[in-house]
Amino acid sequence: YDVVLLDLLMPRVDGLGVISYMKESGITTPVVVISAV
């Protein structure tokens, strides 16, 4: 992807979990965090 629009507060795996996965996997896609909190 060119961009990931990512909510932080979600069930099962939250946005922080996605970011951790991306870092561990070497995925450098830019992330735009979108969150109510």
Full PDB file with SEQRES, HELIX, SHEET, SSBOND, CRYST1, ORIGX, SCALE, CONECT and MASTER records, all heavy atoms in Angstrom:
SEQRES   1 A   37  TYR ASP VAL VAL LEU LEU ASP LEU LEU MET PRO ARG VAL          
SEQRES   2 A   37  ASP GLY LEU GLY VAL ILE SER TYR MET LYS GLU SER GLY          
SEQRES   3 A   37  ILE THR THR PRO VAL VAL VAL ILE SER ALA VAL                  
HELIX    1 AA1 GLY A   15  SER A   25  1                                  11    
SHEET    1 AA1 2 VAL A   4  LEU A   6  0                                        
SHEET    2 AA1 2 VAL A  31  VAL A  33  1                                        
CRYST1    1.000    1.000    1.000  90.00  90.00  90.00 P 1           1          
ORIGX1      1.000000  0.000000  0.000000        0.00000                         
ORIGX2      0.000000  1.000000  0.000000        0.00000                         
ORIGX3      0.000000  0.000000  1.000000        0.00000                         
SCALE1      1.000000  0.000000  0.000000        0.00000                         
SCALE2      0.000000  1.000000  0.000000        0.00000                         
SCALE3      0.000000  0.000000  1.000000        0.00000                         
ATOM      1  N   TYR A   1       0.847  -1.190   0.000  1.00  0.00           N  
ATOM      2  CA  TYR A   1       0.000   0.000   0.000  1.00  0.00           C  
ATOM      3  C   TYR A   1       0.878   1.234   0.000  1.00  0.00           C  
ATOM      4  O   TYR A   1       2.031   1.204   0.423  1.00  0.00           O  
ATOM      5  CB  TYR A   1      -0.912   0.013   1.241  1.00  0.00           C  
ATOM      6  CG  TYR A   1      -1.883  -1.137   1.255  1.00  0.00           C  
ATOM      7  CD1 TYR A   1      -1.574  -2.330   1.911  1.00  0.00           C  
ATOM      8  CD2 TYR A   1      -3.086  -1.059   0.569  1.00  0.00           C  
ATOM      9  CE1 TYR A   1      -2.457  -3.401   1.903  1.00  0.00           C  
ATOM     10  CE2 TYR A   1      -3.974  -2.127   0.553  1.00  0.00           C  
ATOM     11  CZ  TYR A   1      -3.651  -3.288   1.210  1.00  0.00           C  
ATOM     12  OH  TYR A   1      -4.519  -4.349   1.184  1.00  0.00           O  
ATOM     13  N   ASP A   2       0.287   2.338  -0.449  1.00  0.00           N  
ATOM     14  CA  ASP A   2       0.968   3.624  -0.388  1.00  0.00           C  
ATOM     15  C   ASP A   2       0.794   4.266   0.988  1.00  0.00           C  
ATOM     16  O   ASP A   2       1.674   4.985   1.457  1.00  0.00           O  
ATOM     17  CB  ASP A   2       0.422   4.570  -1.465  1.00  0.00           C  
ATOM     18  CG  ASP A   2       0.753   4.068  -2.862  1.00  0.00           C  
ATOM     19  OD1 ASP A   2       1.950   3.918  -3.163  1.00  0.00           O  
ATOM     20  OD2 ASP A   2      -0.174   3.811  -3.642  1.00  0.00           O  
ATOM     21  N   VAL A   3      -0.360   4.024   1.609  1.00  0.00           N  
ATOM     22  CA  VAL A   3      -0.684   4.599   2.918  1.00  0.00           C  
ATOM     23  C   VAL A   3      -1.594   3.630   3.662  1.00  0.00           C  
ATOM     24  O   VAL A   3      -2.435   2.969   3.045  1.00  0.00           O  
ATOM     25  CB  VAL A   3      -1.427   5.957   2.770  1.00  0.00           C  
ATOM     26  CG1 VAL A   3      -1.781   6.540   4.124  1.00  0.00           C  
ATOM     27  CG2 VAL A   3      -0.619   6.956   1.959  1.00  0.00           C  
ATOM     28  N   VAL A   4      -1.427   3.574   4.989  1.00  0.00           N  
ATOM     29  CA  VAL A   4      -2.358   2.843   5.852  1.00  0.00           C  
ATOM     30  C   VAL A   4      -3.037   3.866   6.756  1.00  0.00           C  
ATOM     31  O   VAL A   4      -2.356   4.609   7.471  1.00  0.00           O  
ATOM     32  CB  VAL A   4      -1.632   1.787   6.714  1.00  0.00           C  
ATOM     33  CG1 VAL A   4      -2.611   1.117   7.677  1.00  0.00           C  
ATOM     34  CG2 VAL A   4      -0.954   0.740   5.833  1.00  0.00           C  
ATOM     35  N   LEU A   5      -4.371   3.928   6.691  1.00  0.00           N  
ATOM     36  CA  LEU A   5      -5.154   4.728   7.636  1.00  0.00           C  
ATOM     37  C   LEU A   5      -5.536   3.793   8.766  1.00  0.00           C  
ATOM     38  O   LEU A   5      -6.233   2.804   8.544  1.00  0.00           O  
ATOM     39  CB  LEU A   5      -6.410   5.297   6.967  1.00  0.00           C  
ATOM     40  CG  LEU A   5      -6.202   6.208   5.775  1.00  0.00           C  
ATOM     41  CD1 LEU A   5      -7.545   6.709   5.257  1.00  0.00           C  
ATOM     42  CD2 LEU A   5      -5.294   7.373   6.115  1.00  0.00           C  
ATOM     43  N   LEU A   6      -5.093   4.080   9.977  1.00  0.00           N  
ATOM     44  CA  LEU A   6      -5.150   3.104  11.061  1.00  0.00           C  
ATOM     45  C   LEU A   6      -5.776   3.663  12.327  1.00  0.00           C  
ATOM     46  O   LEU A   6      -5.252   4.610  12.924  1.00  0.00           O  
ATOM     47  CB  LEU A   6      -3.727   2.626  11.364  1.00  0.00           C  
ATOM     48  CG  LEU A   6      -3.539   1.581  12.436  1.00  0.00           C  
ATOM     49  CD1 LEU A   6      -4.195   0.257  12.044  1.00  0.00           C  
ATOM     50  CD2 LEU A   6      -2.048   1.383  12.699  1.00  0.00           C  
ATOM     51  N   ASP A   7      -6.886   3.064  12.734  1.00  0.00           N  
ATOM     52  CA  ASP A   7      -7.480   3.378  14.028  1.00  0.00           C  
ATOM     53  C   ASP A   7      -6.621   2.710  15.102  1.00  0.00           C  
ATOM     54  O   ASP A   7      -6.007   1.666  14.867  1.00  0.00           O  
ATOM     55  CB  ASP A   7      -8.912   2.830  14.075  1.00  0.00           C  
ATOM     56  CG  ASP A   7      -9.687   3.281  15.295  1.00  0.00           C  
ATOM     57  OD1 ASP A   7      -9.252   4.226  15.983  1.00  0.00           O  
ATOM     58  OD2 ASP A   7     -10.746   2.689  15.563  1.00  0.00           O  
ATOM     59  N   LEU A   8      -6.570   3.306  16.284  1.00  0.00           N  
ATOM     60  CA  LEU A   8      -5.784   2.710  17.370  1.00  0.00           C  
ATOM     61  C   LEU A   8      -6.592   1.740  18.213  1.00  0.00           C  
ATOM     62  O   LEU A   8      -6.093   0.692  18.603  1.00  0.00           O  
ATOM     63  CB  LEU A   8      -5.206   3.804  18.276  1.00  0.00           C  
ATOM     64  CG  LEU A   8      -4.080   4.648  17.698  1.00  0.00           C  
ATOM     65  CD1 LEU A   8      -3.604   5.657  18.742  1.00  0.00           C  
ATOM     66  CD2 LEU A   8      -2.920   3.793  17.224  1.00  0.00           C  
ATOM     67  N   LEU A   9      -7.831   2.094  18.518  1.00  0.00           N  
ATOM     68  CA  LEU A   9      -8.634   1.300  19.444  1.00  0.00           C  
ATOM     69  C   LEU A   9      -9.556   0.364  18.670  1.00  0.00           C  
ATOM     70  O   LEU A   9     -10.564   0.797  18.115  1.00  0.00           O  
ATOM     71  CB  LEU A   9      -9.448   2.215  20.360  1.00  0.00           C  
ATOM     72  CG  LEU A   9      -8.638   3.202  21.188  1.00  0.00           C  
ATOM     73  CD1 LEU A   9      -9.558   4.125  21.962  1.00  0.00           C  
ATOM     74  CD2 LEU A   9      -7.690   2.479  22.119  1.00  0.00           C  
ATOM     75  N   MET A  10      -9.177  -0.914  18.625  1.00  0.00           N  
ATOM     76  CA  MET A  10      -9.955  -1.927  17.912  1.00  0.00           C  
ATOM     77  C   MET A  10      -9.887  -3.239  18.681  1.00  0.00           C  
ATOM     78  O   MET A  10      -8.943  -3.469  19.429  1.00  0.00           O  
ATOM     79  CB  MET A  10      -9.387  -2.155  16.501  1.00  0.00           C  
ATOM     80  CG  MET A  10      -9.469  -0.962  15.587  1.00  0.00           C  
ATOM     81  SD  MET A  10      -8.764  -1.302  13.968  1.00  0.00           S  
ATOM     82  CE  MET A  10      -7.011  -1.425  14.355  1.00  0.00           C  
ATOM     83  N   PRO A  11     -10.882  -4.112  18.470  1.00  0.00           N  
ATOM     84  CA  PRO A  11     -10.838  -5.429  19.124  1.00  0.00           C  
ATOM     85  C   PRO A  11      -9.774  -6.328  18.485  1.00  0.00           C  
ATOM     86  O   PRO A  11      -9.248  -6.009  17.422  1.00  0.00           O  
ATOM     87  CB  PRO A  11     -12.240  -5.984  18.892  1.00  0.00           C  
ATOM     88  CG  PRO A  11     -12.739  -5.280  17.683  1.00  0.00           C  
ATOM     89  CD  PRO A  11     -12.088  -3.915  17.689  1.00  0.00           C  
ATOM     90  N   ARG A  12      -9.531  -7.424  19.121  1.00  0.00           N  
ATOM     91  CA  ARG A  12      -8.564  -8.451  18.706  1.00  0.00           C  
ATOM     92  C   ARG A  12      -7.157  -7.867  18.650  1.00  0.00           C  
ATOM     93  O   ARG A  12      -6.440  -7.968  19.627  1.00  0.00           O  
ATOM     94  CB  ARG A  12      -8.972  -9.122  17.405  1.00  0.00           C  
ATOM     95  CG  ARG A  12     -10.307  -9.841  17.525  1.00  0.00           C  
ATOM     96  CD  ARG A  12     -10.543 -10.858  16.487  1.00  0.00           C  
ATOM     97  NE  ARG A  12     -10.582 -10.311  15.150  1.00  0.00           N  
ATOM     98  CZ  ARG A  12     -10.791 -11.053  14.080  1.00  0.00           C  
ATOM     99  NH1 ARG A  12     -10.977 -12.356  14.199  1.00  0.00           N  
ATOM    100  NH2 ARG A  12     -10.821 -10.528  12.901  1.00  0.00           N  
ATOM    101  N   VAL A  13      -6.750  -7.281  17.563  1.00  0.00           N  
ATOM    102  CA  VAL A  13      -5.428  -6.654  17.470  1.00  0.00           C  
ATOM    103  C   VAL A  13      -5.663  -5.157  17.255  1.00  0.00           C  
ATOM    104  O   VAL A  13      -6.341  -4.771  16.307  1.00  0.00           O  
ATOM    105  CB  VAL A  13      -4.609  -7.238  16.296  1.00  0.00           C  
ATOM    106  CG1 VAL A  13      -3.274  -6.522  16.168  1.00  0.00           C  
ATOM    107  CG2 VAL A  13      -4.401  -8.738  16.474  1.00  0.00           C  
ATOM    108  N   ASP A  14      -5.103  -4.329  18.138  1.00  0.00           N  
ATOM    109  CA  ASP A  14      -5.312  -2.888  18.013  1.00  0.00           C  
ATOM    110  C   ASP A  14      -4.290  -2.258  17.063  1.00  0.00           C  
ATOM    111  O   ASP A  14      -3.439  -2.949  16.495  1.00  0.00           O  
ATOM    112  CB  ASP A  14      -5.294  -2.217  19.382  1.00  0.00           C  
ATOM    113  CG  ASP A  14      -3.937  -2.287  20.079  1.00  0.00           C  
ATOM    114  OD1 ASP A  14      -2.935  -2.720  19.473  1.00  0.00           O  
ATOM    115  OD2 ASP A  14      -3.881  -1.895  21.264  1.00  0.00           O  
ATOM    116  N   GLY A  15      -4.382  -0.956  16.897  1.00  0.00           N  
ATOM    117  CA  GLY A  15      -3.482  -0.254  15.987  1.00  0.00           C  
ATOM    118  C   GLY A  15      -2.018  -0.377  16.376  1.00  0.00           C  
ATOM    119  O   GLY A  15      -1.140  -0.474  15.520  1.00  0.00           O  
ATOM    120  N   LEU A  16      -1.745  -0.375  17.680  1.00  0.00           N  
ATOM    121  CA  LEU A  16      -0.352  -0.528  18.123  1.00  0.00           C  
ATOM    122  C   LEU A  16       0.189  -1.897  17.731  1.00  0.00           C  
ATOM    123  O   LEU A  16       1.369  -2.032  17.371  1.00  0.00           O  
ATOM    124  CB  LEU A  16      -0.251  -0.320  19.630  1.00  0.00           C  
ATOM    125  CG  LEU A  16      -0.641   1.070  20.140  1.00  0.00           C  
ATOM    126  CD1 LEU A  16      -0.602   1.106  21.665  1.00  0.00           C  
ATOM    127  CD2 LEU A  16       0.235   2.139  19.531  1.00  0.00           C  
ATOM    128  N   GLY A  17      -0.665  -2.921  17.767  1.00  0.00           N  
ATOM    129  CA  GLY A  17      -0.260  -4.258  17.334  1.00  0.00           C  
ATOM    130  C   GLY A  17       0.066  -4.294  15.846  1.00  0.00           C  
ATOM    131  O   GLY A  17       1.006  -4.962  15.420  1.00  0.00           O  
ATOM    132  N   VAL A  18      -0.702  -3.558  15.054  1.00  0.00           N  
ATOM    133  CA  VAL A  18      -0.439  -3.491  13.613  1.00  0.00           C  
ATOM    134  C   VAL A  18       0.899  -2.803  13.358  1.00  0.00           C  
ATOM    135  O   VAL A  18       1.715  -3.271  12.566  1.00  0.00           O  
ATOM    136  CB  VAL A  18      -1.581  -2.756  12.870  1.00  0.00           C  
ATOM    137  CG1 VAL A  18      -1.223  -2.547  11.393  1.00  0.00           C  
ATOM    138  CG2 VAL A  18      -2.889  -3.528  12.998  1.00  0.00           C  
ATOM    139  N   ILE A  19       1.140  -1.704  14.057  1.00  0.00           N  
ATOM    140  CA  ILE A  19       2.412  -0.992  13.891  1.00  0.00           C  
ATOM    141  C   ILE A  19       3.580  -1.878  14.303  1.00  0.00           C  
ATOM    142  O   ILE A  19       4.612  -1.929  13.623  1.00  0.00           O  
ATOM    143  CB  ILE A  19       2.392   0.340  14.671  1.00  0.00           C  
ATOM    144  CG1 ILE A  19       1.396   1.301  13.995  1.00  0.00           C  
ATOM    145  CG2 ILE A  19       3.781   0.951  14.754  1.00  0.00           C  
ATOM    146  CD1 ILE A  19       1.076   2.535  14.804  1.00  0.00           C  
ATOM    147  N   SER A  20       3.433  -2.612  15.400  1.00  0.00           N  
ATOM    148  CA  SER A  20       4.496  -3.541  15.827  1.00  0.00           C  
ATOM    149  C   SER A  20       4.757  -4.595  14.763  1.00  0.00           C  
ATOM    150  O   SER A  20       5.908  -4.904  14.457  1.00  0.00           O  
ATOM    151  CB  SER A  20       4.114  -4.218  17.140  1.00  0.00           C  
ATOM    152  OG  SER A  20       4.104  -3.298  18.183  1.00  0.00           O  
ATOM    153  N   TYR A  21       3.679  -5.158  14.203  1.00  0.00           N  
ATOM    154  CA  TYR A  21       3.831  -6.147  13.139  1.00  0.00           C  
ATOM    155  C   TYR A  21       4.574  -5.541  11.950  1.00  0.00           C  
ATOM    156  O   TYR A  21       5.479  -6.172  11.391  1.00  0.00           O  
ATOM    157  CB  TYR A  21       2.467  -6.686  12.680  1.00  0.00           C  
ATOM    158  CG  TYR A  21       2.571  -7.465  11.402  1.00  0.00           C  
ATOM    159  CD1 TYR A  21       3.043  -8.775  11.404  1.00  0.00           C  
ATOM    160  CD2 TYR A  21       2.270  -6.868  10.185  1.00  0.00           C  
ATOM    161  CE1 TYR A  21       3.190  -9.475  10.217  1.00  0.00           C  
ATOM    162  CE2 TYR A  21       2.424  -7.570   8.993  1.00  0.00           C  
ATOM    163  CZ  TYR A  21       2.876  -8.865   9.012  1.00  0.00           C  
ATOM    164  OH  TYR A  21       3.043  -9.551   7.832  1.00  0.00           O  
ATOM    165  N   MET A  22       4.208  -4.333  11.565  1.00  0.00           N  
ATOM    166  CA  MET A  22       4.852  -3.689  10.419  1.00  0.00           C  
ATOM    167  C   MET A  22       6.348  -3.510  10.679  1.00  0.00           C  
ATOM    168  O   MET A  22       7.169  -3.810   9.809  1.00  0.00           O  
ATOM    169  CB  MET A  22       4.176  -2.340  10.119  1.00  0.00           C  
ATOM    170  CG  MET A  22       2.761  -2.474   9.572  1.00  0.00           C  
ATOM    171  SD  MET A  22       1.905  -0.887   9.385  1.00  0.00           S  
ATOM    172  CE  MET A  22       2.829  -0.173   7.997  1.00  0.00           C  
ATOM    173  N   LYS A  23       6.700  -3.038  11.871  1.00  0.00           N  
ATOM    174  CA  LYS A  23       8.117  -2.841  12.207  1.00  0.00           C  
ATOM    175  C   LYS A  23       8.877  -4.168  12.169  1.00  0.00           C  
ATOM    176  O   LYS A  23       9.957  -4.257  11.584  1.00  0.00           O  
ATOM    177  CB  LYS A  23       8.244  -2.198  13.587  1.00  0.00           C  
ATOM    178  CG  LYS A  23       7.874  -0.737  13.599  1.00  0.00           C  
ATOM    179  CD  LYS A  23       7.822  -0.154  14.985  1.00  0.00           C  
ATOM    180  CE  LYS A  23       9.096  -0.285  15.742  1.00  0.00           C  
ATOM    181  NZ  LYS A  23       9.074   0.400  17.050  1.00  0.00           N  
ATOM    182  N   GLU A  24       8.300  -5.200  12.793  1.00  0.00           N  
ATOM    183  CA  GLU A  24       8.957  -6.507  12.838  1.00  0.00           C  
ATOM    184  C   GLU A  24       9.109  -7.116  11.457  1.00  0.00           C  
ATOM    185  O   GLU A  24      10.060  -7.863  11.201  1.00  0.00           O  
ATOM    186  CB  GLU A  24       8.152  -7.467  13.721  1.00  0.00           C  
ATOM    187  CG  GLU A  24       8.183  -7.116  15.188  1.00  0.00           C  
ATOM    188  CD  GLU A  24       7.129  -7.866  15.988  1.00  0.00           C  
ATOM    189  OE1 GLU A  24       6.464  -8.776  15.446  1.00  0.00           O  
ATOM    190  OE2 GLU A  24       6.958  -7.513  17.178  1.00  0.00           O  
ATOM    191  N   SER A  25       8.188  -6.802  10.558  1.00  0.00           N  
ATOM    192  CA  SER A  25       8.197  -7.381   9.212  1.00  0.00           C  
ATOM    193  C   SER A  25       8.932  -6.521   8.203  1.00  0.00           C  
ATOM    194  O   SER A  25       9.015  -6.883   7.031  1.00  0.00           O  
ATOM    195  CB  SER A  25       6.750  -7.588   8.734  1.00  0.00           C  
ATOM    196  OG  SER A  25       6.068  -8.429   9.632  1.00  0.00           O  
ATOM    197  N   GLY A  26       9.432  -5.376   8.624  1.00  0.00           N  
ATOM    198  CA  GLY A  26      10.148  -4.498   7.710  1.00  0.00           C  
ATOM    199  C   GLY A  26       9.238  -3.759   6.732  1.00  0.00           C  
ATOM    200  O   GLY A  26       9.702  -3.277   5.701  1.00  0.00           O  
ATOM    201  N   ILE A  27       7.962  -3.646   7.056  1.00  0.00           N  
ATOM    202  CA  ILE A  27       7.019  -2.917   6.206  1.00  0.00           C  
ATOM    203  C   ILE A  27       7.140  -1.442   6.539  1.00  0.00           C  
ATOM    204  O   ILE A  27       6.950  -1.039   7.688  1.00  0.00           O  
ATOM    205  CB  ILE A  27       5.575  -3.421   6.417  1.00  0.00           C  
ATOM    206  CG1 ILE A  27       5.467  -4.893   6.012  1.00  0.00           C  
ATOM    207  CG2 ILE A  27       4.579  -2.556   5.635  1.00  0.00           C  
ATOM    208  CD1 ILE A  27       4.159  -5.553   6.391  1.00  0.00           C  
ATOM    209  N   THR A  28       7.462  -0.637   5.542  1.00  0.00           N  
ATOM    210  CA  THR A  28       7.720   0.783   5.770  1.00  0.00           C  
ATOM    211  C   THR A  28       6.612   1.690   5.229  1.00  0.00           C  
ATOM    212  O   THR A  28       6.806   2.893   5.097  1.00  0.00           O  
ATOM    213  CB  THR A  28       9.059   1.188   5.134  1.00  0.00           C  
ATOM    214  OG1 THR A  28       8.998   0.908   3.721  1.00  0.00           O  
ATOM    215  CG2 THR A  28      10.217   0.440   5.767  1.00  0.00           C  
ATOM    216  N   THR A  29       5.452   1.135   4.944  1.00  0.00           N  
ATOM    217  CA  THR A  29       4.327   1.919   4.448  1.00  0.00           C  
ATOM    218  C   THR A  29       3.976   3.016   5.450  1.00  0.00           C  
ATOM    219  O   THR A  29       3.805   2.733   6.641  1.00  0.00           O  
ATOM    220  CB  THR A  29       3.098   1.008   4.231  1.00  0.00           C  
ATOM    221  OG1 THR A  29       3.458  -0.047   3.352  1.00  0.00           O  
ATOM    222  CG2 THR A  29       1.937   1.794   3.654  1.00  0.00           C  
ATOM    223  N   PRO A  30       3.859   4.261   4.988  1.00  0.00           N  
ATOM    224  CA  PRO A  30       3.483   5.338   5.898  1.00  0.00           C  
ATOM    225  C   PRO A  30       2.099   5.108   6.507  1.00  0.00           C  
ATOM    226  O   PRO A  30       1.181   4.653   5.825  1.00  0.00           O  
ATOM    227  CB  PRO A  30       3.465   6.584   5.006  1.00  0.00           C  
ATOM    228  CG  PRO A  30       4.255   6.223   3.808  1.00  0.00           C  
ATOM    229  CD  PRO A  30       4.104   4.745   3.629  1.00  0.00           C  
ATOM    230  N   VAL A  31       1.972   5.442   7.782  1.00  0.00           N  
ATOM    231  CA  VAL A  31       0.726   5.252   8.521  1.00  0.00           C  
ATOM    232  C   VAL A  31       0.173   6.618   8.923  1.00  0.00           C  
ATOM    233  O   VAL A  31       0.911   7.486   9.391  1.00  0.00           O  
ATOM    234  CB  VAL A  31       0.967   4.399   9.791  1.00  0.00           C  
ATOM    235  CG1 VAL A  31      -0.282   4.335  10.653  1.00  0.00           C  
ATOM    236  CG2 VAL A  31       1.442   3.005   9.409  1.00  0.00           C  
ATOM    237  N   VAL A  32      -1.139   6.763   8.734  1.00  0.00           N  
ATOM    238  CA  VAL A  32      -1.872   7.905   9.278  1.00  0.00           C  
ATOM    239  C   VAL A  32      -2.776   7.336  10.359  1.00  0.00           C  
ATOM    240  O   VAL A  32      -3.676   6.554  10.073  1.00  0.00           O  
ATOM    241  CB  VAL A  32      -2.709   8.624   8.197  1.00  0.00           C  
ATOM    242  CG1 VAL A  32      -3.548   9.730   8.825  1.00  0.00           C  
ATOM    243  CG2 VAL A  32      -1.816   9.176   7.091  1.00  0.00           C  
ATOM    244  N   VAL A  33      -2.493   7.684  11.608  1.00  0.00           N  
ATOM    245  CA  VAL A  33      -3.323   7.230  12.710  1.00  0.00           C  
ATOM    246  C   VAL A  33      -4.581   8.086  12.733  1.00  0.00           C  
ATOM    247  O   VAL A  33      -4.510   9.318  12.655  1.00  0.00           O  
ATOM    248  CB  VAL A  33      -2.565   7.333  14.048  1.00  0.00           C  
ATOM    249  CG1 VAL A  33      -3.509   7.191  15.233  1.00  0.00           C  
ATOM    250  CG2 VAL A  33      -1.468   6.287  14.112  1.00  0.00           C  
ATOM    251  N   ILE A  34      -5.729   7.410  12.809  1.00  0.00           N  
ATOM    252  CA  ILE A  34      -7.021   8.090  12.925  1.00  0.00           C  
ATOM    253  C   ILE A  34      -7.690   7.525  14.174  1.00  0.00           C  
ATOM    254  O   ILE A  34      -7.980   6.344  14.243  1.00  0.00           O  
ATOM    255  CB  ILE A  34      -7.893   7.894  11.667  1.00  0.00           C  
ATOM    256  CG1 ILE A  34      -8.023   6.412  11.301  1.00  0.00           C  
ATOM    257  CG2 ILE A  34      -7.337   8.690  10.506  1.00  0.00           C  
ATOM    258  CD1 ILE A  34      -9.012   6.122  10.199  1.00  0.00           C  
ATOM    259  N   SER A  35      -7.887   8.362  15.176  1.00  0.00           N  
ATOM    260  CA  SER A  35      -8.409   7.853  16.435  1.00  0.00           C  
ATOM    261  C   SER A  35      -9.253   8.907  17.133  1.00  0.00           C  
ATOM    262  O   SER A  35      -8.967  10.103  17.038  1.00  0.00           O  
ATOM    263  CB  SER A  35      -7.256   7.435  17.347  1.00  0.00           C  
ATOM    264  OG  SER A  35      -7.744   6.843  18.524  1.00  0.00           O  
ATOM    265  N   ALA A  36     -10.284   8.441  17.812  1.00  0.00           N  
ATOM    266  CA  ALA A  36     -11.112   9.345  18.607  1.00  0.00           C  
ATOM    267  C   ALA A  36     -10.382   9.760  19.878  1.00  0.00           C  
ATOM    268  O   ALA A  36     -10.638  10.826  20.424  1.00  0.00           O  
ATOM    269  CB  ALA A  36     -12.433   8.670  18.955  1.00  0.00           C  
ATOM    270  N   VAL A  37      -9.461   8.924  20.329  1.00  0.00           N  
ATOM    271  CA  VAL A  37      -8.740   9.183  21.575  1.00  0.00           C  
ATOM    272  C   VAL A  37      -7.279   9.466  21.250  1.00  0.00           C  
ATOM    273  O   VAL A  37      -6.576   8.621  20.716  1.00  0.00           O  
ATOM    274  CB  VAL A  37      -8.842   7.974  22.532  1.00  0.00           C  
ATOM    275  CG1 VAL A  37      -8.056   8.230  23.798  1.00  0.00           C  
ATOM    276  CG2 VAL A  37     -10.287   7.657  22.835  1.00  0.00           C  
TER     277      VAL A  37                                                      
MASTER        0    0    0    1    2    0    0    6  276    1    0    3          
END                                                                             
